[in-house]
Amino acid sequence: MAFMTYHSFFDSLKFDSPPEVSDELKALWYDAKGDWEKAHDLISETETKSHCMIHAYLHRKEGDIGNADYWYHRAGQKKREWSLKEEWKFLVTQFLAF
């Protein structure tokens, strides 16, 4: 997996397939491409803290706040009071740092 910055990750959205990155970043990539289902499928198989964080974000985006709250709790996080765009950028930045 090559080193990526937020900008190079964001620029990769112009391509048809995601870069070689973690499943967390692939899920966020598919979400940004408008494929919520693919994003959800990538993080639904395990319940690691990182997958729970993305799961919460996806359900918040979907408008299922009760489900999002459950996943925020599982991730040990509070529900975000910022925009979905800001949360997506925060998550991408977090997972690029790993």
PDB file of N, CA and C in Angstrom:
ATOM      1  N   MET A   1       0.850  -1.165   0.000  1.00  0.00           N
ATOM      2  CA  MET A   1       0.000   0.000   0.000  1.00  0.00           C
ATOM      3  C   MET A   1       0.903   1.237   0.000  1.00  0.00           C
ATOM      4  N   ALA A   2       0.710   2.092  -0.938  1.00  0.00           N
ATOM      5  CA  ALA A   2       1.517   3.301  -1.074  1.00  0.00           C
ATOM      6  C   ALA A   2       1.010   4.383  -0.123  1.00  0.00           C
ATOM      7  N   PHE A   3       1.935   5.264   0.275  1.00  0.00           N
ATOM      8  CA  PHE A   3       1.560   6.399   1.119  1.00  0.00           C
ATOM      9  C   PHE A   3       0.633   7.321   0.345  1.00  0.00           C
ATOM     10  N   MET A   4      -0.422   7.760   1.010  1.00  0.00           N
ATOM     11  CA  MET A   4      -1.370   8.682   0.386  1.00  0.00           C
ATOM     12  C   MET A   4      -1.623   9.853   1.318  1.00  0.00           C
ATOM     13  N   THR A   5      -1.878  10.978   0.715  1.00  0.00           N
ATOM     14  CA  THR A   5      -2.329  12.142   1.457  1.00  0.00           C
ATOM     15  C   THR A   5      -3.839  12.252   1.271  1.00  0.00           C
ATOM     16  N   TYR A   6      -4.446  13.152   2.028  1.00  0.00           N
ATOM     17  CA  TYR A   6      -5.876  13.380   1.850  1.00  0.00           C
ATOM     18  C   TYR A   6      -6.153  13.801   0.406  1.00  0.00           C
ATOM     19  N   HIS A   7      -5.315  14.671  -0.133  1.00  0.00           N
ATOM     20  CA  HIS A   7      -5.554  15.179  -1.488  1.00  0.00           C
ATOM     21  C   HIS A   7      -5.385  14.085  -2.541  1.00  0.00           C
ATOM     22  N   SER A   8      -4.407  13.216  -2.380  1.00  0.00           N
ATOM     23  CA  SER A   8      -4.248  12.145  -3.363  1.00  0.00           C
ATOM     24  C   SER A   8      -5.393  11.143  -3.243  1.00  0.00           C
ATOM     25  N   PHE A   9      -5.880  10.919  -2.022  1.00  0.00           N
ATOM     26  CA  PHE A   9      -7.032  10.041  -1.842  1.00  0.00           C
ATOM     27  C   PHE A   9      -8.257  10.656  -2.506  1.00  0.00           C
ATOM     28  N   PHE A  10      -8.487  11.930  -2.241  1.00  0.00           N
ATOM     29  CA  PHE A  10      -9.627  12.630  -2.833  1.00  0.00           C
ATOM     30  C   PHE A  10      -9.528  12.614  -4.361  1.00  0.00           C
ATOM     31  N   ASP A  11      -8.329  12.841  -4.893  1.00  0.00           N
ATOM     32  CA  ASP A  11      -8.128  12.816  -6.346  1.00  0.00           C
ATOM     33  C   ASP A  11      -8.415  11.440  -6.945  1.00  0.00           C
ATOM     34  N   SER A  12      -8.246  10.392  -6.160  1.00  0.00           N
ATOM     35  CA  SER A  12      -8.489   9.031  -6.668  1.00  0.00           C
ATOM     36  C   SER A  12      -9.963   8.789  -6.977  1.00  0.00           C
ATOM     37  N   LEU A  13     -10.837   9.671  -6.500  1.00  0.00           N
ATOM     38  CA  LEU A  13     -12.273   9.512  -6.765  1.00  0.00           C
ATOM     39  C   LEU A  13     -12.618   9.677  -8.238  1.00  0.00           C
ATOM     40  N   LYS A  14     -11.705  10.203  -9.025  1.00  0.00           N
ATOM     41  CA  LYS A  14     -11.981  10.355 -10.462  1.00  0.00           C
ATOM     42  C   LYS A  14     -11.811   9.035 -11.218  1.00  0.00           C
ATOM     43  N   PHE A  15     -11.255   8.027 -10.541  1.00  0.00           N
ATOM     44  CA  PHE A  15     -11.043   6.727 -11.178  1.00  0.00           C
ATOM     45  C   PHE A  15     -12.212   5.788 -10.910  1.00  0.00           C
ATOM     46  N   ASP A  16     -12.238   4.672 -11.646  1.00  0.00           N
ATOM     47  CA  ASP A  16     -13.339   3.716 -11.527  1.00  0.00           C
ATOM     48  C   ASP A  16     -13.165   2.702 -10.404  1.00  0.00           C
ATOM     49  N   SER A  17     -11.965   2.578  -9.881  1.00  0.00           N
ATOM     50  CA  SER A  17     -11.740   1.648  -8.782  1.00  0.00           C
ATOM     51  C   SER A  17     -10.866   2.322  -7.725  1.00  0.00           C
ATOM     52  N   PRO A  18     -11.028   1.864  -6.482  1.00  0.00           N
ATOM     53  CA  PRO A  18     -10.300   2.523  -5.388  1.00  0.00           C
ATOM     54  C   PRO A  18      -8.806   2.206  -5.433  1.00  0.00           C
ATOM     55  N   PRO A  19      -8.025   3.045  -4.791  1.00  0.00           N
ATOM     56  CA  PRO A  19      -6.598   2.759  -4.682  1.00  0.00           C
ATOM     57  C   PRO A  19      -6.374   1.582  -3.727  1.00  0.00           C
ATOM     58  N   GLU A  20      -5.150   1.117  -3.665  1.00  0.00           N
ATOM     59  CA  GLU A  20      -4.791   0.040  -2.733  1.00  0.00           C
ATOM     60  C   GLU A  20      -4.667   0.632  -1.339  1.00  0.00           C
ATOM     61  N   VAL A  21      -5.762   0.575  -0.608  1.00  0.00           N
ATOM     62  CA  VAL A  21      -5.837   1.133   0.739  1.00  0.00           C
ATOM     63  C   VAL A  21      -6.592   0.157   1.635  1.00  0.00           C
ATOM     64  N   SER A  22      -6.700   0.480   2.897  1.00  0.00           N
ATOM     65  CA  SER A  22      -7.417  -0.357   3.866  1.00  0.00           C
ATOM     66  C   SER A  22      -8.906  -0.450   3.511  1.00  0.00           C
ATOM     67  N   ASP A  23      -9.575  -1.443   4.087  1.00  0.00           N
ATOM     68  CA  ASP A  23     -11.020  -1.581   3.874  1.00  0.00           C
ATOM     69  C   ASP A  23     -11.772  -0.352   4.376  1.00  0.00           C
ATOM     70  N   GLU A  24     -11.279   0.255   5.458  1.00  0.00           N
ATOM     71  CA  GLU A  24     -11.930   1.459   5.975  1.00  0.00           C
ATOM     72  C   GLU A  24     -11.910   2.566   4.922  1.00  0.00           C
ATOM     73  N   LEU A  25     -10.748   2.774   4.333  1.00  0.00           N
ATOM     74  CA  LEU A  25     -10.633   3.813   3.298  1.00  0.00           C
ATOM     75  C   LEU A  25     -11.386   3.435   2.032  1.00  0.00           C
ATOM     76  N   LYS A  26     -11.382   2.165   1.687  1.00  0.00           N
ATOM     77  CA  LYS A  26     -12.176   1.738   0.518  1.00  0.00           C
ATOM     78  C   LYS A  26     -13.659   2.017   0.753  1.00  0.00           C
ATOM     79  N   ALA A  27     -14.132   1.750   1.971  1.00  0.00           N
ATOM     80  CA  ALA A  27     -15.539   2.017   2.287  1.00  0.00           C
ATOM     81  C   ALA A  27     -15.846   3.504   2.125  1.00  0.00           C
ATOM     82  N   LEU A  28     -14.966   4.347   2.612  1.00  0.00           N
ATOM     83  CA  LEU A  28     -15.175   5.790   2.481  1.00  0.00           C
ATOM     84  C   LEU A  28     -15.059   6.232   1.029  1.00  0.00           C
ATOM     85  N   TRP A  29     -14.204   5.575   0.259  1.00  0.00           N
ATOM     86  CA  TRP A  29     -14.063   5.866  -1.168  1.00  0.00           C
ATOM     87  C   TRP A  29     -15.372   5.537  -1.891  1.00  0.00           C
ATOM     88  N   TYR A  30     -15.904   4.330  -1.636  1.00  0.00           N
ATOM     89  CA  TYR A  30     -17.168   3.944  -2.291  1.00  0.00           C
ATOM     90  C   TYR A  30     -18.317   4.857  -1.857  1.00  0.00           C
ATOM     91  N   ASP A  31     -18.325   5.245  -0.590  1.00  0.00           N
ATOM     92  CA  ASP A  31     -19.350   6.175  -0.128  1.00  0.00           C
ATOM     93  C   ASP A  31     -19.287   7.477  -0.920  1.00  0.00           C
ATOM     94  N   ALA A  32     -18.092   8.008  -1.090  1.00  0.00           N
ATOM     95  CA  ALA A  32     -17.932   9.266  -1.837  1.00  0.00           C
ATOM     96  C   ALA A  32     -18.330   9.108  -3.296  1.00  0.00           C
ATOM     97  N   LYS A  33     -18.210   7.900  -3.820  1.00  0.00           N
ATOM     98  CA  LYS A  33     -18.598   7.631  -5.212  1.00  0.00           C
ATOM     99  C   LYS A  33     -20.105   7.381  -5.346  1.00  0.00           C
ATOM    100  N   GLY A  34     -20.815   7.402  -4.214  1.00  0.00           N
ATOM    101  CA  GLY A  34     -22.260   7.218  -4.253  1.00  0.00           C
ATOM    102  C   GLY A  34     -22.714   5.780  -4.115  1.00  0.00           C
ATOM    103  N   ASP A  35     -21.816   4.876  -3.754  1.00  0.00           N
ATOM    104  CA  ASP A  35     -22.166   3.461  -3.604  1.00  0.00           C
ATOM    105  C   ASP A  35     -22.226   3.117  -2.112  1.00  0.00           C
ATOM    106  N   TRP A  36     -23.290   3.573  -1.456  1.00  0.00           N
ATOM    107  CA  TRP A  36     -23.480   3.350  -0.029  1.00  0.00           C
ATOM    108  C   TRP A  36     -23.473   1.862   0.299  1.00  0.00           C
ATOM    109  N   GLU A  37     -24.138   1.064  -0.511  1.00  0.00           N
ATOM    110  CA  GLU A  37     -24.229  -0.382  -0.259  1.00  0.00           C
ATOM    111  C   GLU A  37     -22.862  -1.046  -0.235  1.00  0.00           C
ATOM    112  N   LYS A  38     -22.033  -0.736  -1.208  1.00  0.00           N
ATOM    113  CA  LYS A  38     -20.681  -1.312  -1.263  1.00  0.00           C
ATOM    114  C   LYS A  38     -19.882  -0.862  -0.043  1.00  0.00           C
ATOM    115  N   ALA A  39     -19.996   0.406   0.308  1.00  0.00           N
ATOM    116  CA  ALA A  39     -19.301   0.932   1.492  1.00  0.00           C
ATOM    117  C   ALA A  39     -19.751   0.175   2.740  1.00  0.00           C
ATOM    118  N   HIS A  40     -21.044   0.011   2.879  1.00  0.00           N
ATOM    119  CA  HIS A  40     -21.613  -0.683   4.043  1.00  0.00           C
ATOM    120  C   HIS A  40     -21.167  -2.135   4.076  1.00  0.00           C
ATOM    121  N   ASP A  41     -21.183  -2.795   2.943  1.00  0.00           N
ATOM    122  CA  ASP A  41     -20.758  -4.202   2.878  1.00  0.00           C
ATOM    123  C   ASP A  41     -19.313  -4.381   3.333  1.00  0.00           C
ATOM    124  N   LEU A  42     -18.454  -3.444   2.981  1.00  0.00           N
ATOM    125  CA  LEU A  42     -17.031  -3.557   3.334  1.00  0.00           C
ATOM    126  C   LEU A  42     -16.777  -3.508   4.838  1.00  0.00           C
ATOM    127  N   ILE A  43     -17.620  -2.826   5.575  1.00  0.00           N
ATOM    128  CA  ILE A  43     -17.360  -2.664   7.008  1.00  0.00           C
ATOM    129  C   ILE A  43     -18.351  -3.418   7.895  1.00  0.00           C
ATOM    130  N   SER A  44     -19.264  -4.158   7.289  1.00  0.00           N
ATOM    131  CA  SER A  44     -20.297  -4.846   8.067  1.00  0.00           C
ATOM    132  C   SER A  44     -19.870  -6.195   8.630  1.00  0.00           C
ATOM    133  N   GLU A  45     -18.802  -6.751   8.122  1.00  0.00           N
ATOM    134  CA  GLU A  45     -18.411  -8.097   8.531  1.00  0.00           C
ATOM    135  C   GLU A  45     -17.733  -8.158   9.891  1.00  0.00           C
ATOM    136  N   THR A  46     -17.096  -7.095  10.309  1.00  0.00           N
ATOM    137  CA  THR A  46     -16.419  -7.083  11.605  1.00  0.00           C
ATOM    138  C   THR A  46     -16.875  -5.887  12.411  1.00  0.00           C
ATOM    139  N   GLU A  47     -16.599  -5.922  13.689  1.00  0.00           N
ATOM    140  CA  GLU A  47     -17.007  -4.835  14.571  1.00  0.00           C
ATOM    141  C   GLU A  47     -15.802  -4.232  15.283  1.00  0.00           C
ATOM    142  N   THR A  48     -14.734  -3.996  14.528  1.00  0.00           N
ATOM    143  CA  THR A  48     -13.607  -3.283  15.105  1.00  0.00           C
ATOM    144  C   THR A  48     -14.045  -1.844  15.358  1.00  0.00           C
ATOM    145  N   LYS A  49     -13.306  -1.148  16.197  1.00  0.00           N
ATOM    146  CA  LYS A  49     -13.646   0.253  16.492  1.00  0.00           C
ATOM    147  C   LYS A  49     -13.691   1.074  15.208  1.00  0.00           C
ATOM    148  N   SER A  50     -12.727   0.853  14.321  1.00  0.00           N
ATOM    149  CA  SER A  50     -12.683   1.630  13.083  1.00  0.00           C
ATOM    150  C   SER A  50     -13.877   1.314  12.188  1.00  0.00           C
ATOM    151  N   HIS A  51     -14.265   0.053  12.111  1.00  0.00           N
ATOM    152  CA  HIS A  51     -15.432  -0.299  11.296  1.00  0.00           C
ATOM    153  C   HIS A  51     -16.701   0.279  11.913  1.00  0.00           C
ATOM    154  N   CYS A  52     -16.782   0.265  13.238  1.00  0.00           N
ATOM    155  CA  CYS A  52     -17.951   0.841  13.911  1.00  0.00           C
ATOM    156  C   CYS A  52     -18.064   2.338  13.656  1.00  0.00           C
ATOM    157  N   MET A  53     -16.930   3.037  13.616  1.00  0.00           N
ATOM    158  CA  MET A  53     -16.944   4.478  13.337  1.00  0.00           C
ATOM    159  C   MET A  53     -17.519   4.757  11.952  1.00  0.00           C
ATOM    160  N   ILE A  54     -17.087   3.973  10.978  1.00  0.00           N
ATOM    161  CA  ILE A  54     -17.586   4.169   9.610  1.00  0.00           C
ATOM    162  C   ILE A  54     -19.039   3.730   9.517  1.00  0.00           C
ATOM    163  N   HIS A  55     -19.376   2.644  10.183  1.00  0.00           N
ATOM    164  CA  HIS A  55     -20.755   2.163  10.204  1.00  0.00           C
ATOM    165  C   HIS A  55     -21.677   3.261  10.742  1.00  0.00           C
ATOM    166  N   ALA A  56     -21.256   3.926  11.825  1.00  0.00           N
ATOM    167  CA  ALA A  56     -22.041   5.018  12.399  1.00  0.00           C
ATOM    168  C   ALA A  56     -22.218   6.148  11.395  1.00  0.00           C
ATOM    169  N   TYR A  57     -21.122   6.556  10.780  1.00  0.00           N
ATOM    170  CA  TYR A  57     -21.172   7.629   9.785  1.00  0.00           C
ATOM    171  C   TYR A  57     -22.144   7.262   8.650  1.00  0.00           C
ATOM    172  N   LEU A  58     -22.038   6.042   8.138  1.00  0.00           N
ATOM    173  CA  LEU A  58     -22.895   5.641   7.018  1.00  0.00           C
ATOM    174  C   LEU A  58     -24.371   5.670   7.393  1.00  0.00           C
ATOM    175  N   HIS A  59     -24.697   5.189   8.599  1.00  0.00           N
ATOM    176  CA  HIS A  59     -26.109   5.214   9.000  1.00  0.00           C
ATOM    177  C   HIS A  59     -26.584   6.628   9.299  1.00  0.00           C
ATOM    178  N   ARG A  60     -25.695   7.473   9.782  1.00  0.00           N
ATOM    179  CA  ARG A  60     -26.048   8.895   9.948  1.00  0.00           C
ATOM    180  C   ARG A  60     -26.348   9.501   8.580  1.00  0.00           C
ATOM    181  N   LYS A  61     -25.513   9.192   7.608  1.00  0.00           N
ATOM    182  CA  LYS A  61     -25.721   9.711   6.252  1.00  0.00           C
ATOM    183  C   LYS A  61     -27.037   9.208   5.679  1.00  0.00           C
ATOM    184  N   GLU A  62     -27.335   7.959   5.972  1.00  0.00           N
ATOM    185  CA  GLU A  62     -28.578   7.343   5.492  1.00  0.00           C
ATOM    186  C   GLU A  62     -29.810   7.972   6.142  1.00  0.00           C
ATOM    187  N   GLY A  63     -29.610   8.614   7.304  1.00  0.00           N
ATOM    188  CA  GLY A  63     -30.732   9.215   8.020  1.00  0.00           C
ATOM    189  C   GLY A  63     -31.285   8.317   9.115  1.00  0.00           C
ATOM    190  N   ASP A  64     -30.653   7.175   9.339  1.00  0.00           N
ATOM    191  CA  ASP A  64     -31.070   6.229  10.379  1.00  0.00           C
ATOM    192  C   ASP A  64     -30.302   6.573  11.663  1.00  0.00           C
ATOM    193  N   ILE A  65     -30.756   7.612  12.351  1.00  0.00           N
ATOM    194  CA  ILE A  65     -30.032   8.170  13.497  1.00  0.00           C
ATOM    195  C   ILE A  65     -29.965   7.190  14.664  1.00  0.00           C
ATOM    196  N   GLY A  66     -31.025   6.433  14.908  1.00  0.00           N
ATOM    197  CA  GLY A  66     -31.001   5.446  15.990  1.00  0.00           C
ATOM    198  C   GLY A  66     -29.922   4.405  15.759  1.00  0.00           C
ATOM    199  N   ASN A  67     -29.817   3.912  14.549  1.00  0.00           N
ATOM    200  CA  ASN A  67     -28.797   2.940  14.194  1.00  0.00           C
ATOM    201  C   ASN A  67     -27.409   3.586  14.262  1.00  0.00           C
ATOM    202  N   ALA A  68     -27.296   4.821  13.787  1.00  0.00           N
ATOM    203  CA  ALA A  68     -26.020   5.539  13.859  1.00  0.00           C
ATOM    204  C   ALA A  68     -25.584   5.696  15.310  1.00  0.00           C
ATOM    205  N   ASP A  69     -26.508   6.068  16.188  1.00  0.00           N
ATOM    206  CA  ASP A  69     -26.175   6.233  17.603  1.00  0.00           C
ATOM    207  C   ASP A  69     -25.651   4.928  18.194  1.00  0.00           C
ATOM    208  N   TYR A  70     -26.269   3.821  17.819  1.00  0.00           N
ATOM    209  CA  TYR A  70     -25.808   2.504  18.288  1.00  0.00           C
ATOM    210  C   TYR A  70     -24.356   2.268  17.880  1.00  0.00           C
ATOM    211  N   TRP A  71     -24.028   2.565  16.622  1.00  0.00           N
ATOM    212  CA  TRP A  71     -22.662   2.318  16.129  1.00  0.00           C
ATOM    213  C   TRP A  71     -21.661   3.317  16.695  1.00  0.00           C
ATOM    214  N   TYR A  72     -22.080   4.553  16.927  1.00  0.00           N
ATOM    215  CA  TYR A  72     -21.187   5.500  17.610  1.00  0.00           C
ATOM    216  C   TYR A  72     -20.850   4.963  19.003  1.00  0.00           C
ATOM    217  N   HIS A  73     -21.859   4.469  19.686  1.00  0.00           N
ATOM    218  CA  HIS A  73     -21.644   3.900  21.018  1.00  0.00           C
ATOM    219  C   HIS A  73     -20.679   2.716  20.945  1.00  0.00           C
ATOM    220  N   ARG A  74     -20.882   1.821  19.986  1.00  0.00           N
ATOM    221  CA  ARG A  74     -19.989   0.655  19.815  1.00  0.00           C
ATOM    222  C   ARG A  74     -18.562   1.089  19.517  1.00  0.00           C
ATOM    223  N   ALA A  75     -18.403   2.218  18.838  1.00  0.00           N
ATOM    224  CA  ALA A  75     -17.072   2.738  18.504  1.00  0.00           C
ATOM    225  C   ALA A  75     -16.462   3.525  19.661  1.00  0.00           C
ATOM    226  N   GLY A  76     -17.262   3.750  20.707  1.00  0.00           N
ATOM    227  CA  GLY A  76     -16.778   4.567  21.821  1.00  0.00           C
ATOM    228  C   GLY A  76     -16.692   6.034  21.461  1.00  0.00           C
ATOM    229  N   GLN A  77     -17.554   6.465  20.552  1.00  0.00           N
ATOM    230  CA  GLN A  77     -17.554   7.842  20.046  1.00  0.00           C
ATOM    231  C   GLN A  77     -18.899   8.501  20.315  1.00  0.00           C
ATOM    232  N   LYS A  78     -18.874   9.823  20.333  1.00  0.00           N
ATOM    233  CA  LYS A  78     -20.112  10.593  20.397  1.00  0.00           C
ATOM    234  C   LYS A  78     -20.548  10.917  18.976  1.00  0.00           C
ATOM    235  N   LYS A  79     -21.861  11.083  18.812  1.00  0.00           N
ATOM    236  CA  LYS A  79     -22.374  11.475  17.497  1.00  0.00           C
ATOM    237  C   LYS A  79     -21.771  12.818  17.114  1.00  0.00           C
ATOM    238  N   ARG A  80     -21.389  12.947  15.886  1.00  0.00           N
ATOM    239  CA  ARG A  80     -20.755  14.162  15.383  1.00  0.00           C
ATOM    240  C   ARG A  80     -21.777  15.278  15.226  1.00  0.00           C
ATOM    241  N   GLU A  81     -21.369  16.465  15.602  1.00  0.00           N
ATOM    242  CA  GLU A  81     -22.225  17.638  15.457  1.00  0.00           C
ATOM    243  C   GLU A  81     -21.802  18.473  14.261  1.00  0.00           C
ATOM    244  N   TRP A  82     -21.031  17.884  13.378  1.00  0.00           N
ATOM    245  CA  TRP A  82     -20.557  18.590  12.206  1.00  0.00           C
ATOM    246  C   TRP A  82     -21.227  18.027  10.964  1.00  0.00           C
ATOM    247  N   SER A  83     -20.943  18.589   9.838  1.00  0.00           N
ATOM    248  CA  SER A  83     -21.575  18.133   8.606  1.00  0.00           C
ATOM    249  C   SER A  83     -21.050  16.749   8.226  1.00  0.00           C
ATOM    250  N   LEU A  84     -21.802  16.070   7.387  1.00  0.00           N
ATOM    251  CA  LEU A  84     -21.352  14.763   6.886  1.00  0.00           C
ATOM    252  C   LEU A  84     -20.053  14.900   6.108  1.00  0.00           C
ATOM    253  N   LYS A  85     -19.917  15.978   5.365  1.00  0.00           N
ATOM    254  CA  LYS A  85     -18.694  16.220   4.598  1.00  0.00           C
ATOM    255  C   LYS A  85     -17.487  16.351   5.537  1.00  0.00           C
ATOM    256  N   GLU A  86     -17.674  17.096   6.627  1.00  0.00           N
ATOM    257  CA  GLU A  86     -16.589  17.257   7.600  1.00  0.00           C
ATOM    258  C   GLU A  86     -16.247  15.928   8.273  1.00  0.00           C
ATOM    259  N   GLU A  87     -17.269  15.147   8.575  1.00  0.00           N
ATOM    260  CA  GLU A  87     -17.017  13.855   9.214  1.00  0.00           C
ATOM    261  C   GLU A  87     -16.289  12.915   8.252  1.00  0.00           C
ATOM    262  N   TRP A  88     -16.691  12.912   6.982  1.00  0.00           N
ATOM    263  CA  TRP A  88     -16.020  12.071   5.986  1.00  0.00           C
ATOM    264  C   TRP A  88     -14.547  12.448   5.900  1.00  0.00           C
ATOM    265  N   LYS A  89     -14.262  13.738   5.838  1.00  0.00           N
ATOM    266  CA  LYS A  89     -12.868  14.194   5.757  1.00  0.00           C
ATOM    267  C   LYS A  89     -12.091  13.798   7.012  1.00  0.00           C
ATOM    268  N   PHE A  90     -12.711  13.939   8.176  1.00  0.00           N
ATOM    269  CA  PHE A  90     -12.079  13.537   9.427  1.00  0.00           C
ATOM    270  C   PHE A  90     -11.741  12.051   9.399  1.00  0.00           C
ATOM    271  N   LEU A  91     -12.698  11.226   8.981  1.00  0.00           N
ATOM    272  CA  LEU A  91     -12.472   9.775   8.949  1.00  0.00           C
ATOM    273  C   LEU A  91     -11.360   9.410   7.964  1.00  0.00           C
ATOM    274  N   VAL A  92     -11.402   9.989   6.781  1.00  0.00           N
ATOM    275  CA  VAL A  92     -10.353   9.714   5.797  1.00  0.00           C
ATOM    276  C   VAL A  92      -8.993  10.080   6.379  1.00  0.00           C
ATOM    277  N   THR A  93      -8.900  11.236   6.959  1.00  0.00           N
ATOM    278  CA  THR A  93      -7.638  11.698   7.540  1.00  0.00           C
ATOM    279  C   THR A  93      -7.168  10.751   8.649  1.00  0.00           C
ATOM    280  N   GLN A  94      -8.105  10.320   9.491  1.00  0.00           N
ATOM    281  CA  GLN A  94      -7.771   9.381  10.562  1.00  0.00           C
ATOM    282  C   GLN A  94      -7.176   8.089  10.011  1.00  0.00           C
ATOM    283  N   PHE A  95      -7.827   7.528   9.002  1.00  0.00           N
ATOM    284  CA  PHE A  95      -7.393   6.225   8.495  1.00  0.00           C
ATOM    285  C   PHE A  95      -6.172   6.314   7.586  1.00  0.00           C
ATOM    286  N   LEU A  96      -5.941   7.460   7.008  1.00  0.00           N
ATOM    287  CA  LEU A  96      -4.694   7.641   6.258  1.00  0.00           C
ATOM    288  C   LEU A  96      -3.494   7.698   7.203  1.00  0.00           C
ATOM    289  N   ALA A  97      -3.734   8.091   8.440  1.00  0.00           N
ATOM    290  CA  ALA A  97      -2.655   8.215   9.423  1.00  0.00           C
ATOM    291  C   ALA A  97      -2.222   6.860   9.986  1.00  0.00           C
ATOM    292  N   PHE A  98      -2.999   5.813   9.791  1.00  0.00           N
ATOM    293  CA  PHE A  98      -2.686   4.493  10.355  1.00  0.00           C
ATOM    294  C   PHE A  98      -1.541   3.862   9.601  1.00  0.00           C
TER     295      PHE A  98
END
